[in-house]
Amino acid sequence: MNTTDVAAQIVPRFDDDASTGRTLAIICSKGSLDMAYPALVLANAALGEGVETHLFFTFWGFDMITTRTMGDLKFTMLGNPATHLPQGLGGLPGMTALATSRLRRSIAALDIPDVPEFLDQIVASGGHLWACRMSADMNGLSEADLYDGVEAIISASDFIEKTDGAQLLFI
């Protein structure tokens, strides 16, 4: 094999706008502010790379897509050793509000959108949002209670079917 053949194999093609053929399925099970962003950032990055992306919101992750809670997610220090502060401080009155406001400021300083705006961006980029049937039933919620970009409330089995062969992340 000559060097021209080798170079042709490793040079990416930038003229092809087709998708990568890859699929990413993210299960969003946490509804705190610090756990919402990993899923949203990864989904956005995957969409930017042409990866078909599906997010499945279940249990507390439902707060990310419920209209009355999605704009007011909290961050607590309790049980989070990554704050590098004594855990006892997290139980003091006002600490969750303080920690939440600081995290929101840090996120805003990086020009990262808030959760509702990030969901808008993901949907506009072709991402798929799905709500868990069991979680909706447990919380007495219907599609009318959810962010408009949620395509449907589906069962876990339906999500597994829709994302057959996908890379799966559980957050």
N, C-alpha and C. Protein backbone atom coordinates (compact mmCIF):
# COMPACT_ATOMS: atom_id res chain seq x y z
N MET A 1 0.85 -1.18 0.00
CA MET A 1 0.00 0.00 0.00
C MET A 1 0.90 1.24 0.00
N ASN A 2 0.62 2.17 -0.89
CA ASN A 2 1.45 3.38 -0.93
C ASN A 2 0.89 4.45 0.01
N THR A 3 1.64 5.51 0.23
CA THR A 3 1.25 6.54 1.20
C THR A 3 0.00 7.29 0.78
N THR A 4 -0.29 7.38 -0.49
CA THR A 4 -1.50 8.04 -0.96
C THR A 4 -2.73 7.27 -0.51
N ASP A 5 -2.66 5.92 -0.57
CA ASP A 5 -3.78 5.09 -0.13
C ASP A 5 -4.02 5.24 1.37
N VAL A 6 -2.95 5.29 2.15
CA VAL A 6 -3.07 5.44 3.60
C VAL A 6 -3.69 6.79 3.94
N ALA A 7 -3.23 7.85 3.29
CA ALA A 7 -3.77 9.19 3.56
C ALA A 7 -5.25 9.25 3.21
N ALA A 8 -5.65 8.63 2.13
CA ALA A 8 -7.06 8.65 1.72
C ALA A 8 -7.93 7.96 2.76
N GLN A 9 -7.40 6.99 3.46
CA GLN A 9 -8.18 6.26 4.46
C GLN A 9 -8.39 7.05 5.74
N ILE A 10 -7.47 7.93 6.10
CA ILE A 10 -7.59 8.62 7.38
C ILE A 10 -8.08 10.06 7.27
N VAL A 11 -8.26 10.57 6.07
CA VAL A 11 -8.73 11.94 5.90
C VAL A 11 -10.26 11.92 5.97
N PRO A 12 -10.85 12.66 6.92
CA PRO A 12 -12.32 12.66 7.02
C PRO A 12 -12.95 13.37 5.83
N ARG A 13 -14.19 13.00 5.55
CA ARG A 13 -14.94 13.66 4.47
C ARG A 13 -15.83 14.71 5.10
N PHE A 14 -15.67 15.96 4.69
CA PHE A 14 -16.47 17.05 5.24
C PHE A 14 -17.62 17.44 4.32
N ASP A 15 -17.72 16.82 3.16
CA ASP A 15 -18.78 17.16 2.22
C ASP A 15 -20.03 16.32 2.40
N ASP A 16 -20.02 15.40 3.34
CA ASP A 16 -21.14 14.49 3.55
C ASP A 16 -21.92 14.94 4.78
N ASP A 17 -23.15 15.41 4.58
CA ASP A 17 -23.98 15.86 5.69
C ASP A 17 -24.84 14.75 6.27
N ALA A 18 -24.69 13.54 5.80
CA ALA A 18 -25.50 12.43 6.31
C ALA A 18 -25.16 12.16 7.77
N SER A 19 -26.09 11.54 8.45
CA SER A 19 -25.86 11.23 9.86
C SER A 19 -24.77 10.17 9.99
N THR A 20 -24.28 10.03 11.20
CA THR A 20 -23.19 9.09 11.45
C THR A 20 -23.67 7.65 11.51
N GLY A 21 -24.97 7.44 11.60
CA GLY A 21 -25.50 6.09 11.77
C GLY A 21 -25.46 5.64 13.22
N ARG A 22 -24.94 6.49 14.08
CA ARG A 22 -24.87 6.16 15.51
C ARG A 22 -26.12 6.68 16.22
N THR A 23 -26.46 6.03 17.33
CA THR A 23 -27.59 6.45 18.15
C THR A 23 -27.14 6.47 19.60
N LEU A 24 -27.52 7.54 20.30
CA LEU A 24 -27.24 7.67 21.73
C LEU A 24 -28.56 7.74 22.48
N ALA A 25 -28.69 6.93 23.50
CA ALA A 25 -29.88 6.93 24.36
C ALA A 25 -29.43 7.31 25.77
N ILE A 26 -30.00 8.40 26.28
CA ILE A 26 -29.64 8.88 27.62
C ILE A 26 -30.85 8.74 28.52
N ILE A 27 -30.69 8.04 29.62
CA ILE A 27 -31.76 7.91 30.61
C ILE A 27 -31.50 8.94 31.70
N CYS A 28 -32.41 9.88 31.84
CA CYS A 28 -32.28 10.97 32.82
C CYS A 28 -33.12 10.61 34.04
N SER A 29 -32.46 10.19 35.11
CA SER A 29 -33.17 9.72 36.30
C SER A 29 -33.07 10.67 37.49
N LYS A 30 -32.31 11.75 37.34
CA LYS A 30 -32.11 12.68 38.45
C LYS A 30 -32.66 14.05 38.07
N GLY A 31 -33.26 14.73 39.03
CA GLY A 31 -33.89 16.01 38.75
C GLY A 31 -33.23 17.19 39.42
N SER A 32 -32.02 17.02 39.91
CA SER A 32 -31.33 18.15 40.52
C SER A 32 -30.56 18.91 39.43
N LEU A 33 -30.27 20.16 39.72
CA LEU A 33 -29.62 21.03 38.74
C LEU A 33 -28.29 20.46 38.27
N ASP A 34 -27.50 19.95 39.22
CA ASP A 34 -26.18 19.43 38.86
C ASP A 34 -26.25 18.12 38.08
N MET A 35 -27.36 17.42 38.14
CA MET A 35 -27.49 16.17 37.39
C MET A 35 -28.23 16.36 36.07
N ALA A 36 -28.87 17.51 35.89
CA ALA A 36 -29.54 17.79 34.62
C ALA A 36 -28.52 18.10 33.53
N TYR A 37 -27.53 18.88 33.88
CA TYR A 37 -26.59 19.36 32.86
C TYR A 37 -25.73 18.29 32.20
N PRO A 38 -25.26 17.26 32.90
CA PRO A 38 -24.49 16.25 32.18
C PRO A 38 -25.26 15.64 31.02
N ALA A 39 -26.53 15.32 31.22
CA ALA A 39 -27.34 14.74 30.15
C ALA A 39 -27.56 15.73 29.02
N LEU A 40 -27.85 16.98 29.37
CA LEU A 40 -28.13 17.99 28.35
C LEU A 40 -26.88 18.32 27.53
N VAL A 41 -25.76 18.44 28.20
CA VAL A 41 -24.50 18.73 27.50
C VAL A 41 -24.12 17.58 26.57
N LEU A 42 -24.23 16.36 27.06
CA LEU A 42 -23.88 15.20 26.23
C LEU A 42 -24.83 15.06 25.05
N ALA A 43 -26.13 15.29 25.27
CA ALA A 43 -27.09 15.22 24.17
C ALA A 43 -26.78 16.27 23.11
N ASN A 44 -26.50 17.48 23.56
CA ASN A 44 -26.17 18.56 22.63
C ASN A 44 -24.90 18.24 21.84
N ALA A 45 -23.90 17.73 22.52
CA ALA A 45 -22.64 17.37 21.84
C ALA A 45 -22.88 16.27 20.82
N ALA A 46 -23.65 15.27 21.19
CA ALA A 46 -23.93 14.16 20.26
C ALA A 46 -24.67 14.67 19.02
N LEU A 47 -25.66 15.53 19.23
CA LEU A 47 -26.40 16.08 18.09
C LEU A 47 -25.46 16.89 17.19
N GLY A 48 -24.54 17.61 17.79
CA GLY A 48 -23.57 18.38 17.02
C GLY A 48 -22.66 17.50 16.17
N GLU A 49 -22.50 16.26 16.59
CA GLU A 49 -21.67 15.31 15.83
C GLU A 49 -22.49 14.46 14.88
N GLY A 50 -23.79 14.76 14.75
CA GLY A 50 -24.64 14.01 13.84
C GLY A 50 -25.16 12.70 14.40
N VAL A 51 -25.10 12.53 15.71
CA VAL A 51 -25.57 11.30 16.35
C VAL A 51 -27.05 11.43 16.68
N GLU A 52 -27.85 10.46 16.24
CA GLU A 52 -29.26 10.43 16.61
C GLU A 52 -29.34 10.32 18.13
N THR A 53 -30.11 11.20 18.77
CA THR A 53 -30.09 11.28 20.24
C THR A 53 -31.49 11.22 20.82
N HIS A 54 -31.65 10.35 21.82
CA HIS A 54 -32.92 10.17 22.52
C HIS A 54 -32.68 10.33 24.01
N LEU A 55 -33.52 11.13 24.68
CA LEU A 55 -33.46 11.26 26.13
C LEU A 55 -34.75 10.71 26.72
N PHE A 56 -34.62 9.88 27.74
CA PHE A 56 -35.76 9.25 28.42
C PHE A 56 -35.76 9.74 29.86
N PHE A 57 -36.80 10.45 30.24
CA PHE A 57 -36.89 11.06 31.56
C PHE A 57 -37.73 10.17 32.46
N THR A 58 -37.13 9.74 33.56
CA THR A 58 -37.79 8.82 34.48
C THR A 58 -37.51 9.23 35.92
N PHE A 59 -38.34 8.76 36.83
CA PHE A 59 -38.25 9.08 38.26
C PHE A 59 -38.01 10.57 38.46
N TRP A 60 -36.98 10.97 39.20
CA TRP A 60 -36.78 12.39 39.50
C TRP A 60 -36.33 13.19 38.29
N GLY A 61 -35.86 12.53 37.27
CA GLY A 61 -35.51 13.20 36.03
C GLY A 61 -36.72 13.86 35.37
N PHE A 62 -37.91 13.41 35.77
CA PHE A 62 -39.15 14.00 35.27
C PHE A 62 -39.22 15.49 35.58
N ASP A 63 -38.56 15.92 36.66
CA ASP A 63 -38.57 17.35 37.00
C ASP A 63 -37.96 18.19 35.89
N MET A 64 -37.09 17.61 35.09
CA MET A 64 -36.44 18.34 34.00
C MET A 64 -37.41 18.69 32.88
N ILE A 65 -38.53 17.95 32.77
CA ILE A 65 -39.47 18.18 31.67
C ILE A 65 -40.87 18.55 32.14
N THR A 66 -41.08 18.62 33.45
CA THR A 66 -42.38 19.03 33.99
C THR A 66 -42.40 20.55 34.03
N THR A 67 -43.37 21.17 33.38
CA THR A 67 -43.35 22.63 33.21
C THR A 67 -43.31 23.38 34.53
N ARG A 68 -43.92 22.87 35.58
CA ARG A 68 -43.92 23.62 36.84
C ARG A 68 -42.61 23.50 37.61
N THR A 69 -41.73 22.57 37.26
CA THR A 69 -40.47 22.39 37.99
C THR A 69 -39.22 22.62 37.16
N MET A 70 -39.30 22.52 35.85
CA MET A 70 -38.11 22.50 34.99
C MET A 70 -37.27 23.77 35.06
N GLY A 71 -37.87 24.88 35.38
CA GLY A 71 -37.13 26.13 35.46
C GLY A 71 -36.60 26.45 36.84
N ASP A 72 -36.85 25.55 37.78
CA ASP A 72 -36.48 25.81 39.17
C ASP A 72 -35.79 24.61 39.83
N LEU A 73 -34.94 23.93 39.09
CA LEU A 73 -34.21 22.79 39.65
C LEU A 73 -33.23 23.29 40.69
N LYS A 74 -33.00 22.49 41.72
CA LYS A 74 -32.14 22.87 42.84
C LYS A 74 -30.85 22.06 42.83
N PHE A 75 -29.89 22.58 43.59
CA PHE A 75 -28.62 21.88 43.83
C PHE A 75 -28.40 21.86 45.33
N THR A 76 -28.16 20.68 45.87
CA THR A 76 -27.89 20.57 47.29
C THR A 76 -26.49 20.01 47.53
N MET A 77 -25.88 20.50 48.59
CA MET A 77 -24.55 20.01 48.96
C MET A 77 -24.63 18.67 49.69
N LEU A 78 -25.77 18.39 50.30
CA LEU A 78 -25.91 17.17 51.11
C LEU A 78 -25.64 15.93 50.28
N GLY A 79 -24.77 15.09 50.77
CA GLY A 79 -24.45 13.85 50.09
C GLY A 79 -23.57 14.03 48.86
N ASN A 80 -23.07 15.21 48.64
CA ASN A 80 -22.23 15.47 47.48
C ASN A 80 -20.83 15.86 47.95
N PRO A 81 -19.93 14.89 48.08
CA PRO A 81 -18.60 15.19 48.57
C PRO A 81 -17.78 16.05 47.62
N ALA A 82 -18.22 16.18 46.37
CA ALA A 82 -17.48 16.98 45.39
C ALA A 82 -17.57 18.48 45.69
N THR A 83 -18.42 18.87 46.62
CA THR A 83 -18.47 20.29 46.99
C THR A 83 -17.26 20.68 47.82
N HIS A 84 -16.56 19.69 48.37
CA HIS A 84 -15.34 19.89 49.16
C HIS A 84 -15.60 20.77 50.39
N LEU A 85 -16.80 20.71 50.89
CA LEU A 85 -17.17 21.44 52.11
C LEU A 85 -17.69 20.43 53.12
N PRO A 86 -17.65 20.76 54.41
CA PRO A 86 -18.21 19.85 55.40
C PRO A 86 -19.68 19.56 55.11
N GLN A 87 -20.06 18.30 55.14
CA GLN A 87 -21.43 17.91 54.82
C GLN A 87 -22.46 18.55 55.74
N GLY A 88 -22.09 18.82 56.98
CA GLY A 88 -23.03 19.42 57.93
C GLY A 88 -23.53 20.77 57.48
N LEU A 89 -22.73 21.49 56.71
CA LEU A 89 -23.16 22.80 56.22
C LEU A 89 -24.38 22.70 55.32
N GLY A 90 -24.49 21.61 54.59
CA GLY A 90 -25.60 21.43 53.65
C GLY A 90 -26.96 21.39 54.33
N GLY A 91 -26.98 21.04 55.60
CA GLY A 91 -28.24 20.95 56.33
C GLY A 91 -28.69 22.27 56.94
N LEU A 92 -27.84 23.27 56.89
CA LEU A 92 -28.21 24.56 57.47
C LEU A 92 -29.26 25.26 56.60
N PRO A 93 -30.17 26.00 57.23
CA PRO A 93 -31.18 26.72 56.45
C PRO A 93 -30.53 27.66 55.44
N GLY A 94 -31.06 27.65 54.24
CA GLY A 94 -30.60 28.53 53.19
C GLY A 94 -29.43 28.01 52.36
N MET A 95 -28.84 26.89 52.76
CA MET A 95 -27.66 26.39 52.04
C MET A 95 -28.01 25.87 50.64
N THR A 96 -29.17 25.23 50.50
CA THR A 96 -29.56 24.76 49.17
C THR A 96 -29.77 25.95 48.24
N ALA A 97 -30.43 26.99 48.74
CA ALA A 97 -30.64 28.20 47.92
C ALA A 97 -29.30 28.83 47.55
N LEU A 98 -28.38 28.90 48.50
CA LEU A 98 -27.06 29.48 48.22
C LEU A 98 -26.30 28.64 47.19
N ALA A 99 -26.27 27.34 47.41
CA ALA A 99 -25.55 26.45 46.49
C ALA A 99 -26.17 26.51 45.09
N THR A 100 -27.49 26.55 45.03
CA THR A 100 -28.19 26.62 43.74
C THR A 100 -27.86 27.92 43.02
N SER A 101 -27.90 29.03 43.74
CA SER A 101 -27.63 30.32 43.08
C SER A 101 -26.18 30.40 42.59
N ARG A 102 -25.26 29.84 43.35
CA ARG A 102 -23.86 29.85 42.91
C ARG A 102 -23.65 28.98 41.68
N LEU A 103 -24.28 27.83 41.66
CA LEU A 103 -24.16 26.96 40.49
C LEU A 103 -24.80 27.62 39.27
N ARG A 104 -25.96 28.23 39.45
CA ARG A 104 -26.61 28.94 38.34
C ARG A 104 -25.71 30.05 37.79
N ARG A 105 -25.06 30.80 38.67
CA ARG A 105 -24.15 31.87 38.24
C ARG A 105 -22.98 31.30 37.45
N SER A 106 -22.42 30.20 37.94
CA SER A 106 -21.29 29.57 37.24
C SER A 106 -21.69 29.09 35.85
N ILE A 107 -22.88 28.52 35.75
CA ILE A 107 -23.38 28.03 34.46
C ILE A 107 -23.62 29.21 33.52
N ALA A 108 -24.25 30.26 34.03
CA ALA A 108 -24.54 31.45 33.21
C ALA A 108 -23.25 32.13 32.76
N ALA A 109 -22.23 32.14 33.62
CA ALA A 109 -20.96 32.78 33.27
C ALA A 109 -20.29 32.09 32.08
N LEU A 110 -20.60 30.83 31.89
CA LEU A 110 -20.05 30.08 30.76
C LEU A 110 -20.95 30.18 29.53
N ASP A 111 -22.00 30.97 29.64
CA ASP A 111 -22.97 31.17 28.56
C ASP A 111 -23.68 29.88 28.19
N ILE A 112 -23.93 29.05 29.19
CA ILE A 112 -24.67 27.80 28.99
C ILE A 112 -26.13 28.12 29.30
N PRO A 113 -27.05 27.69 28.43
CA PRO A 113 -28.46 28.03 28.64
C PRO A 113 -29.05 27.34 29.87
N ASP A 114 -30.15 27.91 30.38
CA ASP A 114 -30.84 27.26 31.48
C ASP A 114 -31.54 26.01 30.93
N VAL A 115 -32.11 25.20 31.81
CA VAL A 115 -32.65 23.90 31.40
C VAL A 115 -33.73 24.04 30.31
N PRO A 116 -34.76 24.87 30.48
CA PRO A 116 -35.77 24.96 29.41
C PRO A 116 -35.19 25.38 28.06
N GLU A 117 -34.28 26.34 28.07
CA GLU A 117 -33.67 26.80 26.82
C GLU A 117 -32.79 25.71 26.21
N PHE A 118 -32.11 24.95 27.06
CA PHE A 118 -31.27 23.86 26.57
C PHE A 118 -32.14 22.79 25.91
N LEU A 119 -33.29 22.49 26.51
CA LEU A 119 -34.21 21.53 25.91
C LEU A 119 -34.70 22.03 24.56
N ASP A 120 -35.00 23.33 24.47
CA ASP A 120 -35.40 23.93 23.19
C ASP A 120 -34.32 23.69 22.14
N GLN A 121 -33.08 23.93 22.52
CA GLN A 121 -31.95 23.76 21.61
C GLN A 121 -31.81 22.31 21.16
N ILE A 122 -31.97 21.38 22.08
CA ILE A 122 -31.85 19.95 21.76
C ILE A 122 -32.95 19.53 20.79
N VAL A 123 -34.18 19.95 21.05
CA VAL A 123 -35.29 19.61 20.16
C VAL A 123 -35.08 20.25 18.78
N ALA A 124 -34.66 21.51 18.76
CA ALA A 124 -34.43 22.20 17.48
C ALA A 124 -33.32 21.54 16.67
N SER A 125 -32.41 20.85 17.35
CA SER A 125 -31.30 20.16 16.68
C SER A 125 -31.66 18.73 16.28
N GLY A 126 -32.90 18.32 16.53
CA GLY A 126 -33.35 16.99 16.13
C GLY A 126 -33.35 15.95 17.22
N GLY A 127 -33.08 16.35 18.47
CA GLY A 127 -33.11 15.41 19.58
C GLY A 127 -34.53 14.97 19.90
N HIS A 128 -34.65 13.79 20.45
CA HIS A 128 -35.95 13.21 20.80
C HIS A 128 -36.07 13.13 22.32
N LEU A 129 -37.17 13.65 22.86
CA LEU A 129 -37.43 13.62 24.29
C LEU A 129 -38.62 12.71 24.56
N TRP A 130 -38.44 11.78 25.49
CA TRP A 130 -39.48 10.82 25.84
C TRP A 130 -39.69 10.83 27.35
N ALA A 131 -40.94 10.73 27.77
CA ALA A 131 -41.28 10.67 29.19
C ALA A 131 -41.67 9.25 29.56
N CYS A 132 -41.29 8.82 30.74
CA CYS A 132 -41.55 7.47 31.23
C CYS A 132 -43.00 7.32 31.69
N ARG A 133 -43.69 6.34 31.14
CA ARG A 133 -45.09 6.08 31.48
C ARG A 133 -45.26 5.82 32.98
N MET A 134 -44.43 4.96 33.55
CA MET A 134 -44.56 4.62 34.97
C MET A 134 -44.37 5.85 35.84
N SER A 135 -43.37 6.68 35.54
CA SER A 135 -43.12 7.88 36.32
C SER A 135 -44.27 8.87 36.19
N ALA A 136 -44.82 9.00 34.99
CA ALA A 136 -45.97 9.89 34.79
C ALA A 136 -47.15 9.41 35.64
N ASP A 137 -47.41 8.12 35.60
CA ASP A 137 -48.52 7.56 36.38
C ASP A 137 -48.30 7.71 37.88
N MET A 138 -47.06 7.47 38.33
CA MET A 138 -46.74 7.59 39.77
C MET A 138 -46.96 9.02 40.26
N ASN A 139 -46.70 10.00 39.40
CA ASN A 139 -46.80 11.41 39.79
C ASN A 139 -48.11 12.07 39.35
N GLY A 140 -49.00 11.29 38.75
CA GLY A 140 -50.29 11.82 38.31
C GLY A 140 -50.14 12.89 37.24
N LEU A 141 -49.17 12.72 36.34
CA LEU A 141 -48.90 13.71 35.30
C LEU A 141 -49.33 13.20 33.93
N SER A 142 -49.72 14.13 33.07
CA SER A 142 -50.09 13.80 31.69
C SER A 142 -49.22 14.64 30.75
N GLU A 143 -49.37 14.44 29.46
CA GLU A 143 -48.59 15.21 28.49
C GLU A 143 -48.84 16.71 28.64
N ALA A 144 -50.02 17.09 29.11
CA ALA A 144 -50.34 18.51 29.30
C ALA A 144 -49.46 19.16 30.36
N ASP A 145 -48.88 18.36 31.27
CA ASP A 145 -48.02 18.86 32.33
C ASP A 145 -46.56 18.98 31.90
N LEU A 146 -46.25 18.53 30.71
CA LEU A 146 -44.86 18.39 30.29
C LEU A 146 -44.45 19.45 29.27
N TYR A 147 -43.16 19.66 29.20
CA TYR A 147 -42.54 20.52 28.20
C TYR A 147 -43.05 20.12 26.82
N ASP A 148 -43.34 21.09 25.98
CA ASP A 148 -43.94 20.82 24.67
C ASP A 148 -43.08 19.96 23.75
N GLY A 149 -41.78 19.96 23.94
CA GLY A 149 -40.89 19.19 23.08
C GLY A 149 -40.87 17.70 23.36
N VAL A 150 -41.54 17.28 24.44
CA VAL A 150 -41.62 15.84 24.74
C VAL A 150 -42.53 15.21 23.70
N GLU A 151 -42.02 14.21 22.99
CA GLU A 151 -42.79 13.60 21.91
C GLU A 151 -43.94 12.75 22.41
N ALA A 152 -43.75 12.04 23.51
CA ALA A 152 -44.82 11.18 24.04
C ALA A 152 -44.40 10.64 25.40
N ILE A 153 -45.39 10.14 26.10
CA ILE A 153 -45.15 9.36 27.31
C ILE A 153 -45.17 7.91 26.86
N ILE A 154 -44.05 7.21 27.09
CA ILE A 154 -43.92 5.83 26.61
C ILE A 154 -43.41 4.93 27.72
N SER A 155 -43.59 3.65 27.53
CA SER A 155 -43.08 2.68 28.50
C SER A 155 -41.58 2.48 28.33
N ALA A 156 -40.97 1.92 29.34
CA ALA A 156 -39.54 1.59 29.25
C ALA A 156 -39.28 0.63 28.09
N SER A 157 -40.18 -0.30 27.89
CA SER A 157 -40.04 -1.25 26.77
C SER A 157 -40.07 -0.53 25.42
N ASP A 158 -40.98 0.45 25.30
CA ASP A 158 -41.04 1.23 24.06
C ASP A 158 -39.73 1.98 23.82
N PHE A 159 -39.15 2.53 24.89
CA PHE A 159 -37.88 3.24 24.75
C PHE A 159 -36.77 2.30 24.30
N ILE A 160 -36.73 1.12 24.88
CA ILE A 160 -35.74 0.12 24.49
C ILE A 160 -35.90 -0.23 23.01
N GLU A 161 -37.14 -0.37 22.55
CA GLU A 161 -37.41 -0.65 21.13
C GLU A 161 -36.92 0.49 20.24
N LYS A 162 -37.25 1.74 20.62
CA LYS A 162 -36.89 2.90 19.81
C LYS A 162 -35.38 3.09 19.70
N THR A 163 -34.66 2.63 20.69
CA THR A 163 -33.21 2.87 20.74
C THR A 163 -32.41 1.58 20.58
N ASP A 164 -32.99 0.61 19.92
CA ASP A 164 -32.32 -0.67 19.70
C ASP A 164 -30.94 -0.46 19.09
N GLY A 165 -29.92 -0.99 19.73
CA GLY A 165 -28.55 -0.88 19.24
C GLY A 165 -27.83 0.40 19.63
N ALA A 166 -28.50 1.27 20.38
CA ALA A 166 -27.90 2.57 20.75
C ALA A 166 -26.87 2.41 21.86
N GLN A 167 -25.97 3.38 21.89
CA GLN A 167 -25.10 3.51 23.05
C GLN A 167 -25.98 4.07 24.16
N LEU A 168 -25.91 3.51 25.36
CA LEU A 168 -26.80 3.88 26.45
C LEU A 168 -26.03 4.51 27.60
N LEU A 169 -26.53 5.66 28.05
CA LEU A 169 -25.96 6.33 29.22
C LEU A 169 -27.07 6.49 30.26
N PHE A 170 -26.76 6.17 31.50
CA PHE A 170 -27.72 6.32 32.59
C PHE A 170 -27.19 7.42 33.51
N ILE A 171 -27.95 8.51 33.60
CA ILE A 171 -27.51 9.63 34.42
C ILE A 171 -28.56 9.90 35.49
